[in-house]
Structures are given as structure tokens and as C-alpha cells.
Amino acid sequence: MKKKCIFYDVKHSNNSARVRLWLMLQGDLDDHIQILTLTHADLDGGGKLVEVNPLKKVPAFVTDNGLNLFESFVILSYLEDQFGDGRFLLTNVEDRALVQLFVRIHDIYISSPNCTQPNFSHTQGCMYLDPYPTPYTPERRTMPDPAVRASKLKEIYERLCWMEENIRSEYMVGDRITHADITWYPTCIFMEILLPYVFDWATIFHEEEHFPRLTRWFETCTNNEHFASIRDDISGVLKKQQRDGRFDNVRKVARDNPDLQWKYM
């Protein structure tokens, strides 16, 4: 029996979710790929994961030949080459370039700290990383400086503005699902829940005044059962954490620093 690939997943990780979403949309890969669902404790402890990704992050992936891969962009590129049928790849050169631009903006400016050293954090972390160590945020991931947090929040807003200007149709680049949609949708679920709750923004992706095109895009994606399943996975965890007080410390940072801008819409 041929050995399966192994995908290391965390239910509410946006970067893992984009891999999981691709697998769901592509379909019929259970005979080729085994999914191992981890918890945050698994990430902090390392275990088998650290053998695959020494950075102790998900997603991580082992090919059927034993090659260890990490970084969601790399894993998705492998999946496209090995198992894809081209349905998410556009034919026009400029369209393909725009898809890659959407993906790169997400990966460089939103979801990655671009540094593995302690206290360097991704932009999206401004929504939930605590200012001091807690059961949710180890010391190495804390975000103690309110000004840094506020700057990262501004970055989120400015990238959303760029997306609003450049989105093309019901999907980000035209009338079909591409890697731009697969990449951004899980991250936007974090924004949907946390930006209004933590920073008192308007109900982003459910309003027409500030980001009407992104609102229509989000609705189009959510109407797809696989996108909706990803939303249920991520929002379910975030809402439970909300009830448990996970985000209260970040809300307090905003309240205690009214001289900094926290609300953009």
C-alpha cells in the first residue's frame, strides 16, 4: 500500500485552514493524504511537529516520499503540482499575477512576522496576542508595546483598503475561486470576529459603507459549503475564547491608550 502524505493541521489556524480549504474544494484525496489535527499544546510542546517544522508552526506537511515541508504557500504549491487539476489556476498571465499579488500581500504584510526570534509577531497578532504572558500567549509571542500594536492594526486597515480597490468581481480575481480567495478567507474570519469585538469596528464584511466589494466577496465565499465549514471551524474556536475572556487583555490595551488610533470604521 502506497504511503500517504501527512498534513499537520490546527482547527483555527488561518494558515492551516487555507490548506484544509484547498483539500476540501479539490476533494477525493483521502486515499493520498492523512490529516493530523493538533492543539495549541502540541505547538508549544513541539513533539512530532518539530521534526517536520523546526519553527513549531502549522501548517506542516510530509510528502509520501518523506520530504518535510512547511509554509502554507509552499504546501499549496506542492498540492497543486501533485494533486491539482488546474481549477484554481487562471489562464491569463495578468490574472495569474494579480492572484499572486493578493497572496503575497497576505503572506508578507498580514500573516507572517518574517522573523523567528522572540517577540517578533505577525500583523494579524495585534488582534489577539496578549501584552504579557498568559495561558494563550507565551512570553516569546507577547506584544507589550501599544504603539506597535496600533501600527499593526493600521496595517490591517490599509491592506483592506487596497483589497477593496483591487478586487475584481464576485471572487477576488474574476468569477471563479483562486488561491487569492483560499488564502484570504480564513484570515478574514479572524477580522470579522475580532475587529468589532476588540477594537469596536463596524461589522466588517457585513456592511456596505466602508468595504462594499469585500462584503459581497465574503458573502459569495460563505455561500460555498466548504468556505462555510472553514468559517464554522475558526469562528467556533474564537467565540469560545471570547466567552472565556481570551481577548480581554487586548481590549484593555485599547481602552488604556486612547491617544492611539484603534477604530477605523
Protein backbone atom coordinates (compact mmCIF):
# COMPACT_ATOMS: atom_id res chain seq x y z
CA MET A 1 0.00 0.00 0.00
CA LYS A 2 1.37 3.39 -1.01
CA LYS A 3 2.40 5.61 1.87
CA LYS A 4 0.19 8.65 2.48
CA CYS A 5 1.24 12.27 2.78
CA ILE A 6 0.68 13.76 6.26
CA PHE A 7 -0.82 17.21 6.82
CA TYR A 8 -0.38 18.73 10.31
CA ASP A 9 -3.37 20.96 10.95
CA VAL A 10 -4.79 23.18 13.72
CA LYS A 11 -8.52 23.79 13.52
CA HIS A 12 -8.48 27.56 13.98
CA SER A 13 -5.13 28.41 12.37
CA ASN A 14 -5.83 30.60 9.36
CA ASN A 15 -2.72 29.40 7.56
CA SER A 16 -3.61 25.76 8.16
CA ALA A 17 -7.20 26.45 7.18
CA ARG A 18 -6.23 27.58 3.70
CA VAL A 19 -4.57 24.21 3.10
CA ARG A 20 -7.57 22.40 4.57
CA LEU A 21 -9.88 24.52 2.38
CA TRP A 22 -7.94 23.61 -0.76
CA LEU A 23 -8.19 19.92 0.15
CA MET A 24 -11.94 20.22 0.68
CA LEU A 25 -12.52 22.10 -2.57
CA GLN A 26 -10.32 19.72 -4.57
CA GLY A 27 -11.87 16.64 -2.97
CA ASP A 28 -11.20 12.90 -3.19
CA LEU A 29 -7.75 12.93 -1.61
CA ASP A 30 -8.40 10.84 1.50
CA ASP A 31 -6.51 7.93 -0.03
CA HIS A 32 -3.47 10.15 -0.53
CA ILE A 33 -3.34 12.50 2.47
CA GLN A 34 -3.72 11.86 6.20
CA ILE A 35 -4.71 14.85 8.33
CA LEU A 36 -3.36 15.08 11.88
CA THR A 37 -5.22 17.73 13.89
CA LEU A 38 -3.12 19.31 16.63
CA THR A 39 -3.87 21.64 19.55
CA HIS A 40 -2.02 24.70 20.84
CA ALA A 41 -0.42 22.47 23.46
CA ASP A 42 1.07 20.41 20.64
CA LEU A 43 2.53 23.57 19.12
CA ASP A 44 4.15 24.74 22.34
CA GLY A 45 5.40 21.26 23.19
CA GLY A 46 6.86 20.52 19.80
CA GLY A 47 6.73 16.71 19.73
CA LYS A 48 6.48 15.17 16.29
CA LEU A 49 5.70 18.56 14.73
CA VAL A 50 9.16 19.95 15.45
CA GLU A 51 10.66 17.12 13.39
CA VAL A 52 8.69 18.37 10.41
CA ASN A 53 8.83 22.10 11.10
CA PRO A 54 11.57 23.23 13.48
CA LEU A 55 9.71 26.54 13.87
CA LYS A 56 6.89 24.66 15.68
CA LYS A 57 4.25 26.16 13.42
CA VAL A 58 1.44 24.86 11.28
CA PRO A 59 0.75 24.02 8.61
CA ALA A 60 3.37 21.36 8.21
CA PHE A 61 3.39 18.56 5.66
CA VAL A 62 5.26 15.37 4.89
CA THR A 63 5.14 14.07 1.33
CA ASP A 64 4.71 10.38 0.57
CA ASN A 65 8.47 10.28 -0.12
CA GLY A 66 9.26 11.73 3.31
CA LEU A 67 10.07 15.32 2.34
CA ASN A 68 9.22 17.73 5.18
CA LEU A 69 7.52 20.92 4.06
CA PHE A 70 6.24 23.98 5.90
CA GLU A 71 4.84 27.40 4.96
CA SER A 72 1.32 27.27 3.55
CA PHE A 73 2.31 28.77 0.18
CA VAL A 74 4.88 26.01 -0.34
CA ILE A 75 2.49 23.27 0.75
CA LEU A 76 -0.26 24.55 -1.54
CA SER A 77 2.18 24.78 -4.45
CA TYR A 78 3.13 21.16 -3.87
CA LEU A 79 -0.52 20.10 -3.67
CA GLU A 80 -1.33 21.89 -6.92
CA ASP A 81 1.57 20.24 -8.71
CA GLN A 82 0.97 16.78 -7.27
CA PHE A 83 -2.82 16.52 -7.00
CA GLY A 84 -4.39 19.59 -8.60
CA ASP A 85 -6.40 19.66 -11.79
CA GLY A 86 -5.89 23.36 -12.50
CA ARG A 87 -9.34 24.52 -11.42
CA PHE A 88 -7.88 27.25 -9.17
CA LEU A 89 -5.31 28.47 -11.72
CA LEU A 90 -6.26 31.16 -14.24
CA THR A 91 -5.08 31.17 -17.84
CA ASN A 92 -4.48 34.90 -18.38
CA VAL A 93 -0.96 35.97 -17.41
CA GLU A 94 -2.05 39.23 -15.77
CA ASP A 95 -4.84 37.48 -13.86
CA ARG A 96 -2.35 34.94 -12.52
CA ALA A 97 -0.03 37.76 -11.49
CA LEU A 98 -2.83 39.52 -9.63
CA VAL A 99 -3.69 36.32 -7.77
CA GLN A 100 -0.07 36.02 -6.68
CA LEU A 101 -0.05 39.66 -5.59
CA PHE A 102 -3.09 39.10 -3.36
CA VAL A 103 -1.39 36.05 -1.86
CA ARG A 104 1.95 37.81 -1.32
CA ILE A 105 0.33 40.81 0.34
CA HIS A 106 -1.39 38.44 2.74
CA ASP A 107 1.68 36.37 3.49
CA ILE A 108 4.19 39.21 3.85
CA TYR A 109 2.18 42.01 5.43
CA ILE A 110 -0.55 40.22 7.41
CA SER A 111 0.18 36.64 8.40
CA SER A 112 3.96 36.45 8.87
CA PRO A 113 6.38 38.21 11.25
CA ASN A 114 9.21 37.45 8.80
CA CYS A 115 11.39 36.73 11.81
CA THR A 116 11.50 33.69 14.09
CA GLN A 117 13.06 35.42 17.10
CA PRO A 118 11.13 36.10 20.34
CA ASN A 119 8.64 38.98 20.40
CA PHE A 120 8.51 39.40 16.63
CA SER A 121 4.89 38.89 15.69
CA HIS A 122 2.75 38.92 12.58
CA THR A 123 0.46 41.84 11.85
CA GLN A 124 -2.69 39.81 12.48
CA GLY A 125 -1.44 39.12 16.02
CA CYS A 126 -2.40 42.66 17.05
CA MET A 127 -5.98 41.37 17.31
CA TYR A 128 -5.29 38.67 19.91
CA LEU A 129 -1.71 38.36 21.23
CA ASP A 130 -1.56 39.37 24.88
CA PRO A 131 0.73 42.16 26.16
CA TYR A 132 2.19 39.80 28.77
CA PRO A 133 2.42 36.01 29.19
CA THR A 134 -0.88 34.16 29.62
CA PRO A 135 -2.06 30.59 29.01
CA TYR A 136 -2.86 31.74 25.45
CA THR A 137 0.30 33.74 24.77
CA PRO A 138 3.77 32.50 25.81
CA GLU A 139 6.43 35.09 26.62
CA ARG A 140 8.08 34.80 23.21
CA ARG A 141 4.83 35.79 21.44
CA THR A 142 3.73 38.70 23.64
CA MET A 143 3.09 42.17 22.19
CA PRO A 144 3.83 44.57 25.05
CA ASP A 145 4.13 47.88 23.16
CA PRO A 146 0.72 49.52 22.49
CA ALA A 147 2.20 51.69 19.72
CA VAL A 148 3.43 48.61 17.86
CA ARG A 149 0.01 47.02 18.22
CA ALA A 150 -1.71 50.16 16.91
CA SER A 151 0.67 50.32 13.94
CA LYS A 152 -0.10 46.73 13.04
CA LEU A 153 -3.82 47.46 13.25
CA LYS A 154 -3.34 50.37 10.85
CA GLU A 155 -1.55 47.98 8.50
CA ILE A 156 -4.59 45.69 8.50
CA TYR A 157 -6.85 48.61 7.63
CA GLU A 158 -4.61 49.83 4.81
CA ARG A 159 -4.33 46.37 3.27
CA LEU A 160 -8.13 46.03 3.43
CA CYS A 161 -8.41 49.36 1.61
CA TRP A 162 -6.08 48.08 -1.10
CA MET A 163 -8.12 44.92 -1.45
CA GLU A 164 -11.35 46.90 -1.71
CA GLU A 165 -9.87 48.88 -4.58
CA ASN A 166 -8.41 45.91 -6.43
CA ILE A 167 -10.93 43.11 -6.01
CA ARG A 168 -12.41 42.39 -9.42
CA SER A 169 -15.67 40.51 -9.20
CA GLU A 170 -17.62 38.11 -7.02
CA TYR A 171 -14.29 36.45 -6.29
CA MET A 172 -11.06 38.36 -5.84
CA VAL A 173 -9.78 37.86 -9.36
CA GLY A 174 -12.78 37.22 -11.56
CA ASP A 175 -15.68 34.81 -11.49
CA ARG A 176 -14.02 31.70 -10.05
CA ILE A 177 -12.21 30.62 -6.92
CA THR A 178 -8.44 31.09 -6.94
CA HIS A 179 -5.66 30.94 -4.38
CA ALA A 180 -6.37 34.59 -3.58
CA ASP A 181 -9.75 33.62 -2.12
CA ILE A 182 -8.45 30.46 -0.47
CA THR A 183 -5.65 32.44 1.18
CA TRP A 184 -7.57 35.47 2.43
CA TYR A 185 -10.90 33.98 3.54
CA PRO A 186 -9.69 32.18 6.71
CA THR A 187 -7.80 35.28 7.85
CA CYS A 188 -10.82 37.47 7.21
CA ILE A 189 -12.81 35.32 9.65
CA PHE A 190 -10.43 36.50 12.39
CA MET A 191 -11.08 40.07 11.29
CA GLU A 192 -14.83 39.51 11.09
CA ILE A 193 -14.98 38.47 14.73
CA LEU A 194 -12.12 40.29 16.43
CA LEU A 195 -12.01 43.74 14.85
CA PRO A 196 -15.54 44.65 16.04
CA TYR A 197 -15.20 42.91 19.40
CA VAL A 198 -11.70 44.01 20.36
CA PHE A 199 -11.43 47.42 18.68
CA ASP A 200 -15.10 48.41 18.25
CA TRP A 201 -15.02 48.48 14.46
CA ALA A 202 -18.22 48.30 12.46
CA THR A 203 -19.35 44.81 11.47
CA ILE A 204 -16.72 44.28 8.82
CA PHE A 205 -17.75 42.07 5.86
CA HIS A 206 -21.39 42.71 6.79
CA GLU A 207 -21.70 46.39 5.85
CA GLU A 208 -21.83 48.42 2.63
CA GLU A 209 -20.43 51.80 3.71
CA HIS A 210 -16.71 51.14 4.05
CA PHE A 211 -15.93 47.92 2.20
CA PRO A 212 -18.93 47.06 -0.01
CA ARG A 213 -16.97 45.00 -2.52
CA LEU A 214 -15.27 42.95 0.19
CA THR A 215 -18.65 42.44 1.83
CA ARG A 216 -20.05 40.97 -1.39
CA TRP A 217 -16.93 38.84 -1.84
CA PHE A 218 -17.19 37.49 1.71
CA GLU A 219 -20.85 36.63 1.21
CA THR A 220 -20.10 34.87 -2.08
CA CYS A 221 -17.40 32.73 -0.46
CA THR A 222 -19.52 31.95 2.59
CA ASN A 223 -22.30 30.66 0.35
CA ASN A 224 -19.93 27.86 -0.66
CA GLU A 225 -20.30 24.92 1.75
CA HIS A 226 -16.55 24.38 2.08
CA PHE A 227 -15.78 28.01 2.83
CA ALA A 228 -18.69 27.98 5.30
CA SER A 229 -17.24 24.92 7.02
CA ILE A 230 -13.92 26.71 7.49
CA ARG A 231 -15.78 29.69 8.92
CA ASP A 232 -17.58 27.44 11.38
CA ASP A 233 -14.29 25.85 12.47
CA ILE A 234 -12.47 29.13 13.10
CA SER A 235 -15.36 31.20 14.44
CA GLY A 236 -16.39 28.40 16.80
CA VAL A 237 -12.99 28.44 18.50
CA LEU A 238 -12.71 32.24 18.54
CA LYS A 239 -16.18 32.71 20.01
CA LYS A 240 -15.44 30.20 22.76
CA GLN A 241 -12.20 32.01 23.52
CA GLN A 242 -14.15 35.26 23.56
CA ARG A 243 -16.53 33.85 26.17
CA ASP A 244 -13.54 32.65 28.18
CA GLY A 245 -12.00 36.14 28.24
CA ARG A 246 -9.17 35.37 25.83
CA PHE A 247 -9.24 38.84 24.24
CA ASP A 248 -9.93 40.95 27.32
CA ASN A 249 -6.30 41.99 27.78
CA VAL A 250 -6.08 43.33 24.24
CA ARG A 251 -9.34 45.22 24.69
CA LYS A 252 -7.86 46.76 27.84
CA VAL A 253 -4.78 47.89 25.91
CA ALA A 254 -7.05 49.81 23.54
CA ARG A 255 -9.06 51.33 26.39
CA ASP A 256 -5.93 52.33 28.30
CA ASN A 257 -4.34 54.04 25.29
CA PRO A 258 -6.95 56.42 23.84
CA ASP A 259 -4.21 58.56 22.29
CA LEU A 260 -3.59 55.80 19.74
CA GLN A 261 -5.99 55.04 16.91
CA TRP A 262 -7.81 51.75 17.25
CA LYS A 263 -11.03 52.30 15.34
CA TYR A 264 -11.02 52.81 11.56
CA MET A 265 -14.64 52.18 10.64
